[in-house]
């Protein structure tokens, strides 16, 4: 959180959300929670569909490819799908070349 301390006084915007990336040391759920905490503060507020699209676009391409086949009705659906993909990568069921 130290690295973001200079941004605590800034109201986040859509561009800031688009530029966020998952750290290698954090799990998918942790990244989704960190991203969502920033997204909640964006003004004007995001619609659910916009939230989903912005979040998915922050993921690595190969991760997105696995997400595209799943139903994404809500942000929670995305988080659940992401965790399933992350677990498949860890167990070797999905090639992990670009998923980190």
N, C-alpha and C. Protein backbone atom coordinates (compact mmCIF):
# COMPACT_ATOMS: atom_id res chain seq x y z
N UNK A 1 0.82 -1.19 0.00
CA UNK A 1 0.00 0.00 0.00
C UNK A 1 0.86 1.26 0.00
N UNK A 2 2.13 1.14 0.44
CA UNK A 2 3.01 2.29 0.44
C UNK A 2 3.13 2.91 -0.94
N UNK A 3 3.23 2.06 -1.96
CA UNK A 3 3.43 2.55 -3.31
C UNK A 3 2.26 3.39 -3.80
N UNK A 4 1.09 3.24 -3.23
CA UNK A 4 -0.08 3.99 -3.67
C UNK A 4 -0.41 5.14 -2.72
N UNK A 5 0.42 5.37 -1.70
CA UNK A 5 0.09 6.38 -0.71
C UNK A 5 -0.02 7.78 -1.32
N UNK A 6 0.72 8.04 -2.39
CA UNK A 6 0.63 9.35 -3.04
C UNK A 6 -0.69 9.55 -3.76
N UNK A 7 -1.44 8.47 -3.97
CA UNK A 7 -2.70 8.56 -4.70
C UNK A 7 -3.91 8.56 -3.77
N UNK A 8 -3.71 8.50 -2.47
CA UNK A 8 -4.84 8.40 -1.55
C UNK A 8 -5.71 9.64 -1.56
N UNK A 9 -5.15 10.79 -1.91
CA UNK A 9 -5.93 12.02 -1.93
C UNK A 9 -6.62 12.26 -3.27
N UNK A 10 -6.31 11.43 -4.25
CA UNK A 10 -6.89 11.58 -5.58
C UNK A 10 -8.16 10.75 -5.70
N UNK A 11 -9.18 11.34 -6.32
CA UNK A 11 -10.37 10.56 -6.63
C UNK A 11 -10.04 9.73 -7.85
N UNK A 12 -10.17 8.41 -7.74
CA UNK A 12 -9.82 7.56 -8.88
C UNK A 12 -10.77 7.78 -10.05
N UNK A 13 -10.26 7.56 -11.24
CA UNK A 13 -11.08 7.68 -12.44
C UNK A 13 -10.96 6.40 -13.26
N UNK A 14 -11.65 6.37 -14.36
CA UNK A 14 -11.66 5.17 -15.21
C UNK A 14 -10.28 4.84 -15.77
N UNK A 15 -9.51 5.85 -16.09
CA UNK A 15 -8.16 5.62 -16.62
C UNK A 15 -7.28 4.95 -15.56
N UNK A 16 -7.39 5.40 -14.32
CA UNK A 16 -6.63 4.79 -13.24
C UNK A 16 -7.00 3.31 -13.11
N UNK A 17 -8.28 3.01 -13.21
CA UNK A 17 -8.73 1.61 -13.13
C UNK A 17 -8.17 0.78 -14.28
N UNK A 18 -8.20 1.34 -15.49
CA UNK A 18 -7.69 0.63 -16.67
C UNK A 18 -6.21 0.32 -16.55
N UNK A 19 -5.48 1.15 -15.83
CA UNK A 19 -4.03 0.98 -15.71
C UNK A 19 -3.61 0.09 -14.55
N UNK A 20 -4.54 -0.33 -13.73
CA UNK A 20 -4.18 -1.21 -12.62
C UNK A 20 -3.79 -2.59 -13.14
N UNK A 21 -2.86 -3.23 -12.46
CA UNK A 21 -2.40 -4.57 -12.83
C UNK A 21 -2.32 -5.45 -11.59
N UNK A 22 -2.50 -6.74 -11.82
CA UNK A 22 -2.37 -7.73 -10.75
C UNK A 22 -0.89 -7.92 -10.46
N UNK A 23 -0.52 -7.81 -9.19
CA UNK A 23 0.86 -8.07 -8.78
C UNK A 23 1.10 -9.58 -8.78
N UNK A 24 2.31 -9.99 -9.09
CA UNK A 24 2.62 -11.42 -9.11
C UNK A 24 2.43 -12.06 -7.75
N UNK A 25 2.61 -11.28 -6.70
CA UNK A 25 2.53 -11.84 -5.34
C UNK A 25 1.11 -11.95 -4.81
N UNK A 26 0.12 -11.43 -5.52
CA UNK A 26 -1.25 -11.49 -5.01
C UNK A 26 -2.09 -12.47 -5.81
N UNK A 27 -3.04 -13.08 -5.11
CA UNK A 27 -3.97 -13.99 -5.75
C UNK A 27 -5.03 -13.21 -6.51
N UNK A 28 -5.78 -13.92 -7.32
CA UNK A 28 -6.81 -13.28 -8.13
C UNK A 28 -7.84 -12.55 -7.26
N UNK A 29 -8.29 -13.21 -6.19
CA UNK A 29 -9.29 -12.59 -5.31
C UNK A 29 -8.75 -11.32 -4.67
N UNK A 30 -7.49 -11.35 -4.21
CA UNK A 30 -6.89 -10.16 -3.60
C UNK A 30 -6.83 -9.01 -4.60
N UNK A 31 -6.43 -9.34 -5.84
CA UNK A 31 -6.39 -8.30 -6.87
C UNK A 31 -7.79 -7.75 -7.13
N UNK A 32 -8.76 -8.64 -7.27
CA UNK A 32 -10.14 -8.21 -7.54
C UNK A 32 -10.65 -7.31 -6.41
N UNK A 33 -10.33 -7.66 -5.16
CA UNK A 33 -10.77 -6.84 -4.03
C UNK A 33 -10.09 -5.47 -4.05
N UNK A 34 -8.79 -5.46 -4.32
CA UNK A 34 -8.05 -4.19 -4.38
C UNK A 34 -8.61 -3.32 -5.51
N UNK A 35 -8.85 -3.93 -6.67
CA UNK A 35 -9.38 -3.20 -7.81
C UNK A 35 -10.78 -2.66 -7.50
N UNK A 36 -11.62 -3.50 -6.90
CA UNK A 36 -13.00 -3.11 -6.59
C UNK A 36 -13.04 -1.96 -5.58
N UNK A 37 -12.11 -1.98 -4.60
CA UNK A 37 -12.05 -0.89 -3.61
C UNK A 37 -11.78 0.45 -4.29
N UNK A 38 -10.96 0.44 -5.32
CA UNK A 38 -10.70 1.67 -6.07
C UNK A 38 -11.91 2.01 -6.93
N UNK A 39 -12.49 1.01 -7.59
CA UNK A 39 -13.63 1.23 -8.49
C UNK A 39 -14.82 1.85 -7.77
N UNK A 40 -15.03 1.48 -6.54
CA UNK A 40 -16.17 2.00 -5.76
C UNK A 40 -16.06 3.52 -5.57
N UNK A 41 -14.82 4.04 -5.56
CA UNK A 41 -14.61 5.47 -5.32
C UNK A 41 -14.65 6.31 -6.60
N UNK A 42 -14.76 5.68 -7.77
CA UNK A 42 -14.78 6.42 -9.04
C UNK A 42 -16.06 7.25 -9.13
N UNK A 43 -15.91 8.49 -9.61
CA UNK A 43 -17.04 9.38 -9.84
C UNK A 43 -17.07 9.81 -11.29
N UNK A 44 -18.18 9.83 -11.95
CA UNK A 44 -19.46 9.28 -11.51
C UNK A 44 -19.37 7.76 -11.37
N UNK A 45 -20.22 7.19 -10.54
CA UNK A 45 -20.17 5.75 -10.27
C UNK A 45 -20.29 4.91 -11.55
N UNK A 46 -19.62 3.77 -11.52
CA UNK A 46 -19.65 2.84 -12.65
C UNK A 46 -20.92 2.00 -12.64
N UNK A 47 -21.43 1.72 -13.81
CA UNK A 47 -22.50 0.72 -13.94
C UNK A 47 -21.86 -0.65 -13.81
N UNK A 48 -22.62 -1.67 -13.44
CA UNK A 48 -22.08 -3.02 -13.26
C UNK A 48 -21.41 -3.52 -14.54
N UNK A 49 -22.05 -3.30 -15.68
CA UNK A 49 -21.50 -3.76 -16.96
C UNK A 49 -20.16 -3.08 -17.24
N UNK A 50 -20.07 -1.79 -16.96
CA UNK A 50 -18.83 -1.04 -17.16
C UNK A 50 -17.74 -1.54 -16.21
N UNK A 51 -18.12 -1.83 -14.97
CA UNK A 51 -17.19 -2.37 -13.99
C UNK A 51 -16.57 -3.66 -14.49
N UNK A 52 -17.41 -4.56 -14.98
CA UNK A 52 -16.95 -5.85 -15.48
C UNK A 52 -16.00 -5.66 -16.67
N UNK A 53 -16.39 -4.83 -17.61
CA UNK A 53 -15.56 -4.62 -18.80
C UNK A 53 -14.21 -4.00 -18.45
N UNK A 54 -14.21 -3.00 -17.58
CA UNK A 54 -12.96 -2.36 -17.18
C UNK A 54 -12.05 -3.35 -16.46
N UNK A 55 -12.62 -4.15 -15.56
CA UNK A 55 -11.82 -5.11 -14.80
C UNK A 55 -11.22 -6.16 -15.72
N UNK A 56 -12.02 -6.75 -16.57
CA UNK A 56 -11.53 -7.80 -17.48
C UNK A 56 -10.39 -7.26 -18.34
N UNK A 57 -10.50 -6.01 -18.75
CA UNK A 57 -9.46 -5.42 -19.60
C UNK A 57 -8.15 -5.17 -18.86
N UNK A 58 -8.12 -5.31 -17.54
CA UNK A 58 -6.86 -5.18 -16.81
C UNK A 58 -6.12 -6.51 -16.72
N UNK A 59 -6.78 -7.60 -17.12
CA UNK A 59 -6.18 -8.93 -17.01
C UNK A 59 -5.28 -9.22 -18.20
N UNK A 60 -4.38 -10.18 -18.03
CA UNK A 60 -3.50 -10.60 -19.12
C UNK A 60 -4.34 -11.27 -20.20
N UNK A 61 -3.87 -11.15 -21.44
CA UNK A 61 -4.61 -11.65 -22.60
C UNK A 61 -5.01 -13.11 -22.47
N UNK A 62 -4.07 -13.95 -22.07
CA UNK A 62 -4.40 -15.38 -21.98
C UNK A 62 -5.45 -15.64 -20.90
N UNK A 63 -5.44 -14.84 -19.85
CA UNK A 63 -6.44 -14.98 -18.79
C UNK A 63 -7.81 -14.59 -19.33
N UNK A 64 -7.83 -13.52 -20.10
CA UNK A 64 -9.09 -13.06 -20.71
C UNK A 64 -9.65 -14.14 -21.62
N UNK A 65 -8.78 -14.79 -22.39
CA UNK A 65 -9.23 -15.85 -23.30
C UNK A 65 -9.99 -16.94 -22.56
N UNK A 66 -9.55 -17.30 -21.38
CA UNK A 66 -10.24 -18.32 -20.59
C UNK A 66 -11.54 -17.78 -20.00
N UNK A 67 -11.59 -16.48 -19.75
CA UNK A 67 -12.79 -15.84 -19.18
C UNK A 67 -13.92 -15.72 -20.19
N UNK A 68 -13.57 -15.54 -21.45
CA UNK A 68 -14.58 -15.23 -22.46
C UNK A 68 -15.68 -16.27 -22.58
N UNK A 69 -15.39 -17.51 -22.29
CA UNK A 69 -16.40 -18.55 -22.41
C UNK A 69 -17.35 -18.64 -21.24
N UNK A 70 -17.07 -17.92 -20.17
CA UNK A 70 -17.92 -18.03 -18.99
C UNK A 70 -18.97 -16.92 -18.95
N UNK A 71 -20.09 -17.22 -18.31
CA UNK A 71 -21.15 -16.22 -18.15
C UNK A 71 -20.67 -15.17 -17.15
N UNK A 72 -20.74 -13.92 -17.54
CA UNK A 72 -20.25 -12.85 -16.68
C UNK A 72 -21.37 -11.87 -16.40
N UNK A 73 -22.27 -12.29 -15.55
CA UNK A 73 -23.43 -11.46 -15.22
C UNK A 73 -23.13 -10.44 -14.14
N UNK A 74 -22.11 -10.71 -13.34
CA UNK A 74 -21.80 -9.80 -12.25
C UNK A 74 -20.30 -9.83 -11.97
N UNK A 75 -19.84 -8.86 -11.18
CA UNK A 75 -18.44 -8.81 -10.78
C UNK A 75 -18.09 -10.07 -10.00
N UNK A 76 -19.01 -10.55 -9.17
CA UNK A 76 -18.78 -11.77 -8.40
C UNK A 76 -18.55 -12.96 -9.33
N UNK A 77 -19.32 -13.05 -10.42
CA UNK A 77 -19.11 -14.13 -11.40
C UNK A 77 -17.68 -14.08 -11.96
N UNK A 78 -17.20 -12.88 -12.22
CA UNK A 78 -15.84 -12.71 -12.75
C UNK A 78 -14.82 -13.19 -11.73
N UNK A 79 -15.00 -12.81 -10.47
CA UNK A 79 -14.07 -13.23 -9.42
C UNK A 79 -14.07 -14.74 -9.29
N UNK A 80 -15.24 -15.35 -9.29
CA UNK A 80 -15.32 -16.80 -9.17
C UNK A 80 -14.65 -17.48 -10.37
N UNK A 81 -14.90 -16.99 -11.58
CA UNK A 81 -14.26 -17.55 -12.77
C UNK A 81 -12.75 -17.38 -12.70
N UNK A 82 -12.31 -16.22 -12.27
CA UNK A 82 -10.88 -15.96 -12.15
C UNK A 82 -10.20 -16.89 -11.17
N UNK A 83 -10.85 -17.16 -10.05
CA UNK A 83 -10.28 -18.08 -9.07
C UNK A 83 -10.20 -19.50 -9.65
N UNK A 84 -11.21 -19.90 -10.40
CA UNK A 84 -11.19 -21.23 -11.01
C UNK A 84 -10.05 -21.33 -12.03
N UNK A 85 -9.85 -20.30 -12.81
CA UNK A 85 -8.75 -20.29 -13.78
C UNK A 85 -7.41 -20.31 -13.05
N UNK A 86 -7.29 -19.51 -12.01
CA UNK A 86 -6.05 -19.47 -11.23
C UNK A 86 -5.73 -20.84 -10.64
N UNK A 87 -6.74 -21.53 -10.12
CA UNK A 87 -6.54 -22.88 -9.57
C UNK A 87 -6.14 -23.86 -10.67
N UNK A 88 -6.73 -23.74 -11.85
CA UNK A 88 -6.38 -24.62 -12.97
C UNK A 88 -4.94 -24.39 -13.42
N UNK A 89 -4.50 -23.15 -13.38
CA UNK A 89 -3.10 -22.83 -13.71
C UNK A 89 -2.18 -23.47 -12.69
N UNK A 90 -2.50 -23.30 -11.41
CA UNK A 90 -1.67 -23.87 -10.34
C UNK A 90 -1.57 -25.39 -10.43
N UNK A 91 -2.65 -26.03 -10.81
CA UNK A 91 -2.66 -27.49 -10.87
C UNK A 91 -2.12 -28.02 -12.21
N UNK A 92 -1.74 -27.11 -13.11
CA UNK A 92 -1.15 -27.51 -14.38
C UNK A 92 -2.16 -27.87 -15.45
N UNK A 93 -3.43 -27.62 -15.21
CA UNK A 93 -4.46 -27.94 -16.20
C UNK A 93 -4.55 -26.89 -17.30
N UNK A 94 -4.02 -25.70 -17.02
CA UNK A 94 -3.97 -24.62 -18.01
C UNK A 94 -2.52 -24.17 -18.11
N UNK A 95 -2.06 -23.94 -19.32
CA UNK A 95 -0.71 -23.45 -19.55
C UNK A 95 -0.55 -22.09 -18.88
N UNK A 96 0.49 -21.95 -18.08
CA UNK A 96 0.67 -20.73 -17.28
C UNK A 96 1.67 -19.76 -17.88
N UNK A 97 1.97 -19.85 -19.15
CA UNK A 97 2.98 -18.96 -19.75
C UNK A 97 2.70 -17.49 -19.52
N UNK A 98 1.45 -17.07 -19.68
CA UNK A 98 1.14 -15.64 -19.53
C UNK A 98 0.35 -15.35 -18.27
N UNK A 99 -0.19 -16.36 -17.60
CA UNK A 99 -0.93 -16.12 -16.36
C UNK A 99 0.05 -16.10 -15.21
N UNK A 100 0.15 -14.96 -14.55
CA UNK A 100 1.05 -14.87 -13.41
C UNK A 100 0.36 -14.18 -12.27
